[in-house]
């Protein structure tokens, strides 16, 4: 297996868009190709992520239409990926593996989604389709409900009051909005307070409105190439040092939602392949679909022992300039936004930007190794990617 690198990245603003999925992805893809000093005709394959195009636009088989809109050669196959919120990360991992294996030299990969365009009721219903249709859907479960249950279980397991845990969760939201305010492509570019979070509408007890990420529109793309080719193309290639992916079944089989075993498994594989450990990570873009999700993630990724990460944001350790791993300098899903088919690619875009020292006011000083963590469904799919300078 040969070394693999990311040559170029591109991303639209996240938020609410009147552009189609194909238009948004084309913008992100052409930016990534241009920043790689390549042309569309140089792409040997397209790995395209989208989850809900049928509900969003009545358009399901979108990959070949994106392919032609960008101007890729007919010999370059176009393949759609779907792994719920981990869609684009899984696509990127597969692209990296195929380039490493020598099947391709250059692959365009990423994702797009118009989740906000559906409106909240339909978006909520379609997102919940990533739960188990026989075991979970009949109970009325939604993803806020899953993470609300996880919050209750965490508080009980580690002897915390819900009031104290909610305040620490609110600090996660405050931290990510602080970062998002520095990101010109974030859905929400406004700082918030702990009091504002705690005063919000209840969504799924104890999760309140600002504990939850938004439905967003947007697209992101990356160009993956063999390391030798990437070095010829750009001054600052970012290398794919390790990847890992794991799966888990329905919630009734997972039982203890405070320990995300699939994430522990996937991240361990990525660390092992990269030859590093959690202590070597400088910056991490992780799946903070809810504030409790970030707490669970920083523990499963090995940054904190189980039951010890709940107050990391309150102590300022995961904020820009903190003494720990800087978590979600983009603003995360919470503030940057969450167009599910594009989210993993946007996380990679942020880490590449950080490792190249091009993040401006949200730059993590001295960042050399970054981690991407994306969750699909209710812990059903986890995909991790270690990137290095």
Protein backbone atom coordinates (compact mmCIF):
# COMPACT_ATOMS: atom_id res chain seq x y z
CA UNK A 1 0.00 0.00 0.00
CA UNK A 2 1.42 3.36 -1.00
CA UNK A 3 1.18 6.64 0.86
CA UNK A 4 -1.87 8.82 0.16
CA UNK A 5 -2.40 12.56 0.50
CA UNK A 6 -5.03 15.23 0.09
CA UNK A 7 -4.09 17.73 -2.59
CA UNK A 8 -7.01 20.16 -2.53
CA UNK A 9 -10.20 20.90 -0.63
CA UNK A 10 -13.34 22.90 -1.32
CA UNK A 11 -16.50 23.79 0.57
CA UNK A 12 -19.61 25.92 0.17
CA UNK A 13 -20.96 28.02 3.01
CA UNK A 14 -23.22 25.95 5.26
CA UNK A 15 -26.71 27.19 6.14
CA UNK A 16 -29.81 27.63 4.02
CA UNK A 17 -29.31 27.57 0.26
CA UNK A 18 -31.57 27.98 -2.77
CA UNK A 19 -29.08 26.05 -4.91
CA UNK A 20 -29.56 22.41 -5.83
CA UNK A 21 -27.43 19.58 -4.48
CA UNK A 22 -25.72 19.23 -7.85
CA UNK A 23 -24.96 22.95 -8.00
CA UNK A 24 -23.58 23.05 -4.46
CA UNK A 25 -21.39 20.00 -4.93
CA UNK A 26 -20.13 21.31 -8.27
CA UNK A 27 -18.99 24.52 -6.58
CA UNK A 28 -17.15 22.64 -3.81
CA UNK A 29 -15.67 20.09 -6.21
CA UNK A 30 -14.38 22.63 -8.72
CA UNK A 31 -12.76 24.57 -5.86
CA UNK A 32 -11.03 21.40 -4.61
CA UNK A 33 -9.85 20.50 -8.13
CA UNK A 34 -8.57 24.02 -8.78
CA UNK A 35 -6.72 24.11 -5.47
CA UNK A 36 -5.08 20.83 -6.47
CA UNK A 37 -3.75 22.49 -9.64
CA UNK A 38 -5.68 19.96 -11.70
CA UNK A 39 -8.54 19.93 -14.20
CA UNK A 40 -11.82 17.97 -14.04
CA UNK A 41 -10.51 15.72 -16.79
CA UNK A 42 -7.70 14.58 -14.46
CA UNK A 43 -10.15 12.90 -12.07
CA UNK A 44 -10.13 9.10 -12.35
CA UNK A 45 -13.20 8.47 -10.19
CA UNK A 46 -15.93 10.28 -8.27
CA UNK A 47 -17.05 9.05 -4.86
CA UNK A 48 -20.18 11.05 -4.09
CA UNK A 49 -22.00 11.23 -0.76
CA UNK A 50 -25.70 12.04 -0.40
CA UNK A 51 -28.34 10.63 1.92
CA UNK A 52 -31.72 12.24 1.30
CA UNK A 53 -31.75 13.65 -2.22
CA UNK A 54 -34.97 11.79 -2.97
CA UNK A 55 -36.82 13.59 -0.16
CA UNK A 56 -35.02 16.91 -0.70
CA UNK A 57 -35.37 17.26 -4.45
CA UNK A 58 -36.95 14.10 -5.80
CA UNK A 59 -33.50 13.18 -7.10
CA UNK A 60 -31.98 9.89 -6.03
CA UNK A 61 -29.40 8.67 -8.59
CA UNK A 62 -27.38 11.88 -8.47
CA UNK A 63 -23.74 10.81 -8.84
CA UNK A 64 -23.67 10.56 -12.68
CA UNK A 65 -25.41 13.92 -13.00
CA UNK A 66 -22.83 15.57 -10.74
CA UNK A 67 -20.17 13.81 -12.79
CA UNK A 68 -21.38 15.42 -16.03
CA UNK A 69 -22.03 18.82 -14.44
CA UNK A 70 -18.39 19.01 -13.32
CA UNK A 71 -17.07 17.71 -16.63
CA UNK A 72 -15.39 14.51 -15.49
CA UNK A 73 -14.30 12.06 -18.21
CA UNK A 74 -16.68 9.22 -19.07
CA UNK A 75 -14.04 6.67 -18.09
CA UNK A 76 -14.11 7.98 -14.50
CA UNK A 77 -16.85 6.03 -12.67
CA UNK A 78 -19.28 7.84 -10.38
CA UNK A 79 -20.43 6.02 -7.24
CA UNK A 80 -22.88 7.19 -4.59
CA UNK A 81 -22.19 6.50 -0.90
CA UNK A 82 -24.72 6.49 1.94
CA UNK A 83 -23.76 5.85 5.58
CA UNK A 84 -26.10 8.30 7.31
CA UNK A 85 -24.16 11.20 8.83
CA UNK A 86 -20.83 9.38 8.25
CA UNK A 87 -21.46 9.24 4.50
CA UNK A 88 -18.68 11.47 3.22
CA UNK A 89 -16.11 10.19 5.72
CA UNK A 90 -16.75 6.62 4.62
CA UNK A 91 -16.45 7.73 0.98
CA UNK A 92 -13.13 9.45 1.71
CA UNK A 93 -11.82 6.37 3.51
CA UNK A 94 -12.71 4.17 0.55
CA UNK A 95 -11.10 6.60 -1.87
CA UNK A 96 -7.91 6.66 0.22
CA UNK A 97 -7.80 2.86 0.34
CA UNK A 98 -8.21 2.52 -3.43
CA UNK A 99 -5.55 5.12 -4.14
CA UNK A 100 -3.26 3.40 -1.64
CA UNK A 101 -3.88 0.12 -3.44
CA UNK A 102 -2.94 1.66 -6.78
CA UNK A 103 -6.37 1.32 -8.38
CA UNK A 104 -6.50 5.09 -8.93
CA UNK A 105 -3.99 7.92 -8.73
CA UNK A 106 -6.49 10.77 -8.28
CA UNK A 107 -10.05 10.61 -6.89
CA UNK A 108 -12.61 13.36 -6.30
CA UNK A 109 -14.69 12.64 -3.22
CA UNK A 110 -17.14 14.48 -0.96
CA UNK A 111 -20.82 15.03 -0.32
CA UNK A 112 -23.80 17.34 -0.47
CA UNK A 113 -27.17 17.75 1.24
CA UNK A 114 -30.16 20.12 1.33
CA UNK A 115 -31.44 19.16 4.76
CA UNK A 116 -32.71 22.65 5.66
CA UNK A 117 -34.73 22.81 2.45
CA UNK A 118 -36.99 19.97 3.69
CA UNK A 119 -38.19 21.87 6.74
CA UNK A 120 -38.02 20.58 10.30
CA UNK A 121 -40.88 18.03 10.32
CA UNK A 122 -39.78 16.18 7.17
CA UNK A 123 -36.07 16.47 8.01
CA UNK A 124 -36.73 15.03 11.47
CA UNK A 125 -38.73 12.14 10.00
CA UNK A 126 -36.16 11.31 7.34
CA UNK A 127 -33.18 11.60 9.69
CA UNK A 128 -34.92 9.12 11.99
CA UNK A 129 -34.95 6.61 9.12
CA UNK A 130 -31.34 5.89 10.07
CA UNK A 131 -32.69 4.31 13.27
CA UNK A 132 -33.79 0.67 13.21
CA UNK A 133 -37.19 0.57 11.49
CA UNK A 134 -38.46 -2.52 13.34
CA UNK A 135 -36.98 -2.15 16.81
CA UNK A 136 -36.66 1.61 17.33
CA UNK A 137 -39.00 3.55 15.02
CA UNK A 138 -42.21 2.10 16.55
CA UNK A 139 -41.16 3.51 19.94
CA UNK A 140 -41.06 7.02 18.49
CA UNK A 141 -37.30 7.29 18.89
CA UNK A 142 -35.46 10.15 17.21
CA UNK A 143 -31.82 11.10 17.48
CA UNK A 144 -32.50 13.75 20.13
CA UNK A 145 -34.22 10.97 22.07
CA UNK A 146 -31.20 8.67 21.72
CA UNK A 147 -28.81 11.28 23.09
CA UNK A 148 -31.28 12.31 25.79
CA UNK A 149 -31.26 8.68 26.98
CA UNK A 150 -27.46 8.68 26.82
CA UNK A 151 -27.40 11.83 28.96
CA UNK A 152 -29.60 10.27 31.66
CA UNK A 153 -27.50 7.09 31.61
CA UNK A 154 -24.23 9.05 31.86
CA UNK A 155 -25.44 11.12 34.82
CA UNK A 156 -26.63 8.03 36.67
CA UNK A 157 -23.52 5.99 35.90
CA UNK A 158 -21.03 8.63 37.03
CA UNK A 159 -22.99 10.13 39.93
CA UNK A 160 -23.76 13.52 38.41
CA UNK A 161 -26.90 15.55 38.84
CA UNK A 162 -28.70 16.38 35.60
CA UNK A 163 -28.49 20.07 36.47
CA UNK A 164 -24.69 19.93 36.73
CA UNK A 165 -24.32 17.84 33.60
CA UNK A 166 -26.61 20.17 31.64
CA UNK A 167 -24.45 23.13 32.58
CA UNK A 168 -21.32 21.35 31.37
CA UNK A 169 -23.14 20.42 28.17
CA UNK A 170 -24.10 24.05 27.72
CA UNK A 171 -20.41 24.94 27.90
CA UNK A 172 -19.83 22.63 24.91
CA UNK A 173 -22.37 24.63 22.90
CA UNK A 174 -20.83 27.92 24.01
CA UNK A 175 -17.36 26.74 23.00
CA UNK A 176 -18.44 25.57 19.57
CA UNK A 177 -20.36 28.77 18.85
CA UNK A 178 -17.26 30.71 19.92
CA UNK A 179 -15.31 28.80 17.28
CA UNK A 180 -18.09 29.05 14.71
CA UNK A 181 -18.15 32.82 15.03
CA UNK A 182 -14.62 32.76 13.58
CA UNK A 183 -15.58 30.57 10.60
CA UNK A 184 -16.85 32.52 7.56
CA UNK A 185 -18.57 29.39 6.19
CA UNK A 186 -20.40 28.39 9.37
CA UNK A 187 -24.18 28.18 9.57
CA UNK A 188 -24.20 30.07 12.90
CA UNK A 189 -21.60 32.80 13.35
CA UNK A 190 -22.77 34.16 16.68
CA UNK A 191 -21.53 33.53 20.20
CA UNK A 192 -24.00 32.37 22.85
CA UNK A 193 -24.04 32.12 26.64
CA UNK A 194 -24.62 29.26 29.06
CA UNK A 195 -27.76 31.03 30.24
CA UNK A 196 -29.12 31.20 26.71
CA UNK A 197 -28.56 27.46 26.26
CA UNK A 198 -30.22 26.60 29.57
CA UNK A 199 -33.14 28.90 28.80
CA UNK A 200 -33.96 27.28 25.47
CA UNK A 201 -36.94 25.17 24.47
CA UNK A 202 -36.92 21.55 25.60
CA UNK A 203 -36.45 19.13 22.71
CA UNK A 204 -35.94 15.75 24.41
CA UNK A 205 -35.44 15.96 28.16
CA UNK A 206 -32.82 17.03 29.17
CA UNK A 207 -31.65 18.27 25.74
CA UNK A 208 -32.69 21.81 24.91
CA UNK A 209 -32.72 23.59 21.57
CA UNK A 210 -29.13 24.85 21.70
CA UNK A 211 -27.88 21.41 22.72
CA UNK A 212 -28.82 20.29 19.20
CA UNK A 213 -27.17 20.90 15.84
CA UNK A 214 -29.19 22.44 12.99
CA UNK A 215 -30.43 21.01 9.72
CA UNK A 216 -28.18 22.61 7.10
CA UNK A 217 -27.59 22.83 3.37
CA UNK A 218 -24.08 22.62 1.94
CA UNK A 219 -21.39 20.65 0.15
CA UNK A 220 -17.72 19.83 0.62
CA UNK A 221 -15.15 17.99 -1.50
CA UNK A 222 -11.53 16.84 -1.44
CA UNK A 223 -9.08 15.56 -4.03
CA UNK A 224 -7.18 12.48 -2.89
CA UNK A 225 -4.01 11.47 -4.72
CA UNK A 226 -1.00 9.26 -4.32
CA UNK A 227 1.54 11.01 -2.12
CA UNK A 228 4.10 11.26 -4.93
CA UNK A 229 1.60 12.94 -7.20
CA UNK A 230 0.31 15.24 -4.44
CA UNK A 231 3.86 16.43 -3.74
CA UNK A 232 4.20 17.38 -7.39
CA UNK A 233 0.88 19.23 -7.41
CA UNK A 234 0.85 21.33 -4.24
CA UNK A 235 3.25 22.82 -1.71
CA UNK A 236 1.39 21.55 1.35
CA UNK A 237 -0.03 18.07 0.83
CA UNK A 238 -1.72 16.63 3.90
CA UNK A 239 -1.17 12.91 4.34
CA UNK A 240 -3.75 10.29 5.26
CA UNK A 241 -1.88 8.56 8.09
CA UNK A 242 -4.56 6.14 9.24
CA UNK A 243 -8.23 5.26 8.96
CA UNK A 244 -10.67 3.13 10.88
CA UNK A 245 -14.31 2.18 10.55
CA UNK A 246 -16.59 0.11 12.77
CA UNK A 247 -20.24 -0.87 12.97
CA UNK A 248 -22.78 -1.46 15.73
CA UNK A 249 -26.29 -2.88 15.66
CA UNK A 250 -29.54 -1.47 17.04
CA UNK A 251 -29.66 0.24 20.41
CA UNK A 252 -31.14 -2.78 22.19
CA UNK A 253 -27.91 -4.65 21.43
CA UNK A 254 -25.63 -1.76 22.36
CA UNK A 255 -27.25 -1.29 25.80
CA UNK A 256 -24.71 1.05 27.48
CA UNK A 257 -24.92 4.28 25.49
CA UNK A 258 -22.27 5.93 27.65
CA UNK A 259 -19.52 3.83 26.01
CA UNK A 260 -19.46 4.10 22.22
CA UNK A 261 -17.69 0.82 21.51
CA UNK A 262 -17.84 1.27 17.73
CA UNK A 263 -15.96 4.56 18.08
CA UNK A 264 -13.40 3.03 20.41
CA UNK A 265 -12.82 0.27 17.85
CA UNK A 266 -12.63 2.54 14.80
CA UNK A 267 -10.34 5.11 16.40
CA UNK A 268 -8.02 2.39 17.74
CA UNK A 269 -7.62 1.07 14.20
CA UNK A 270 -6.88 4.57 12.86
CA UNK A 271 -4.34 5.25 15.63
CA UNK A 272 -2.63 1.92 15.06
CA UNK A 273 -2.32 2.44 11.33
CA UNK A 274 -0.93 5.93 11.89
CA UNK A 275 1.47 4.71 14.57
CA UNK A 276 0.23 7.22 17.13
CA UNK A 277 -2.02 7.50 20.17
CA UNK A 278 -4.66 9.97 21.38
CA UNK A 279 -1.98 12.10 23.05
CA UNK A 280 -0.45 12.85 19.64
CA UNK A 281 -3.60 14.55 18.28
CA UNK A 282 -3.40 18.35 18.13
CA UNK A 283 -6.81 19.14 16.65
CA UNK A 284 -9.99 17.13 16.23
CA UNK A 285 -13.18 17.61 14.25
CA UNK A 286 -15.70 15.31 15.91
CA UNK A 287 -19.39 14.54 15.62
CA UNK A 288 -21.13 16.91 18.03
CA UNK A 289 -24.68 16.46 16.72
CA UNK A 290 -25.68 17.10 20.34
CA UNK A 291 -23.63 18.54 23.17
CA UNK A 292 -23.70 15.18 24.95
CA UNK A 293 -22.34 13.59 21.77
CA UNK A 294 -19.13 15.63 22.08
CA UNK A 295 -18.63 14.48 25.66
CA UNK A 296 -19.10 10.84 24.68
CA UNK A 297 -16.75 11.29 21.72
CA UNK A 298 -13.80 12.83 23.56
CA UNK A 299 -13.91 9.88 25.95
CA UNK A 300 -14.26 7.18 23.30
CA UNK A 301 -11.45 8.75 21.26
CA UNK A 302 -9.13 8.43 24.26
CA UNK A 303 -8.69 12.11 25.07
CA UNK A 304 -10.31 11.52 28.48
CA UNK A 305 -11.04 8.45 30.58
CA UNK A 306 -14.68 7.31 30.65
CA UNK A 307 -16.67 9.56 32.94
CA UNK A 308 -13.93 12.24 32.99
CA UNK A 309 -14.69 14.30 29.89
CA UNK A 310 -17.95 15.91 30.96
CA UNK A 311 -16.35 19.16 32.17
CA UNK A 312 -13.55 19.51 29.60
CA UNK A 313 -15.29 22.43 27.87
CA UNK A 314 -16.10 24.05 31.22
CA UNK A 315 -12.39 23.97 32.07
CA UNK A 316 -11.52 25.48 28.69
CA UNK A 317 -9.37 22.50 27.73
CA UNK A 318 -11.00 21.82 24.34
CA UNK A 319 -11.25 25.47 23.30
CA UNK A 320 -8.79 27.28 21.06
CA UNK A 321 -5.75 27.96 23.21
CA UNK A 322 -6.73 25.35 25.80
CA UNK A 323 -4.29 22.86 27.26
CA UNK A 324 -6.01 19.82 25.74
CA UNK A 325 -6.87 18.77 22.19
CA UNK A 326 -8.65 21.61 20.40
CA UNK A 327 -12.05 20.18 19.50
CA UNK A 328 -14.17 21.47 16.61
CA UNK A 329 -12.37 24.73 15.75
CA UNK A 330 -14.72 24.98 12.75
CA UNK A 331 -17.67 25.30 15.13
CA UNK A 332 -18.52 21.64 14.73
CA UNK A 333 -21.90 20.38 13.61
CA UNK A 334 -23.35 22.54 16.37
CA UNK A 335 -22.35 25.88 14.83
CA UNK A 336 -20.76 25.12 11.45
CA UNK A 337 -23.86 23.13 10.53
CA UNK A 338 -24.82 19.60 9.55
CA UNK A 339 -25.74 18.82 5.92
CA UNK A 340 -25.43 15.12 6.61
CA UNK A 341 -24.03 13.90 3.28
CA UNK A 342 -21.38 16.62 3.37
CA UNK A 343 -20.46 16.69 7.06
CA UNK A 344 -17.52 14.26 7.02
CA UNK A 345 -15.94 15.98 4.03
CA UNK A 346 -16.32 19.35 5.75
CA UNK A 347 -14.53 17.93 8.80
CA UNK A 348 -11.66 16.83 6.56
CA UNK A 349 -11.61 20.27 4.91
CA UNK A 350 -11.23 21.88 8.34
CA UNK A 351 -8.42 19.58 9.47
CA UNK A 352 -6.54 20.07 6.18
CA UNK A 353 -6.97 23.84 6.55
CA UNK A 354 -5.67 23.68 10.12
CA UNK A 355 -2.65 21.53 9.26
CA UNK A 356 -1.75 23.89 6.42
CA UNK A 357 -1.88 26.84 8.83
CA UNK A 358 -4.61 28.55 6.78
CA UNK A 359 -7.44 28.78 9.33
CA UNK A 360 -7.05 32.46 10.19
CA UNK A 361 -8.64 33.52 13.47
CA UNK A 362 -9.49 29.93 14.44
CA UNK A 363 -6.01 28.55 13.74
CA UNK A 364 -4.74 25.96 16.21
CA UNK A 365 -1.13 26.86 16.87
CA UNK A 366 1.47 24.28 15.88
CA UNK A 367 -1.09 21.74 14.62
CA UNK A 368 0.68 18.83 12.95
CA UNK A 369 -1.68 15.87 13.49
CA UNK A 370 -5.48 15.99 13.22
CA UNK A 371 -8.33 13.55 13.68
CA UNK A 372 -11.70 13.35 11.94
CA UNK A 373 -14.53 11.53 13.73
CA UNK A 374 -17.94 11.02 12.14
CA UNK A 375 -20.91 9.10 13.49
CA UNK A 376 -23.64 7.62 11.30
CA UNK A 377 -27.02 6.68 12.77
CA UNK A 378 -27.32 5.85 16.45
CA UNK A 379 -23.66 4.75 16.80
CA UNK A 380 -24.23 2.26 13.95
CA UNK A 381 -21.36 3.55 11.80
CA UNK A 382 -18.22 5.29 13.03
CA UNK A 383 -15.42 6.39 10.72
CA UNK A 384 -12.14 7.97 11.81
CA UNK A 385 -9.34 9.46 9.74
CA UNK A 386 -5.92 10.60 11.03
CA UNK A 387 -4.31 13.34 8.95
CA UNK A 388 -0.79 14.73 9.33
CA UNK A 389 1.38 17.46 7.86
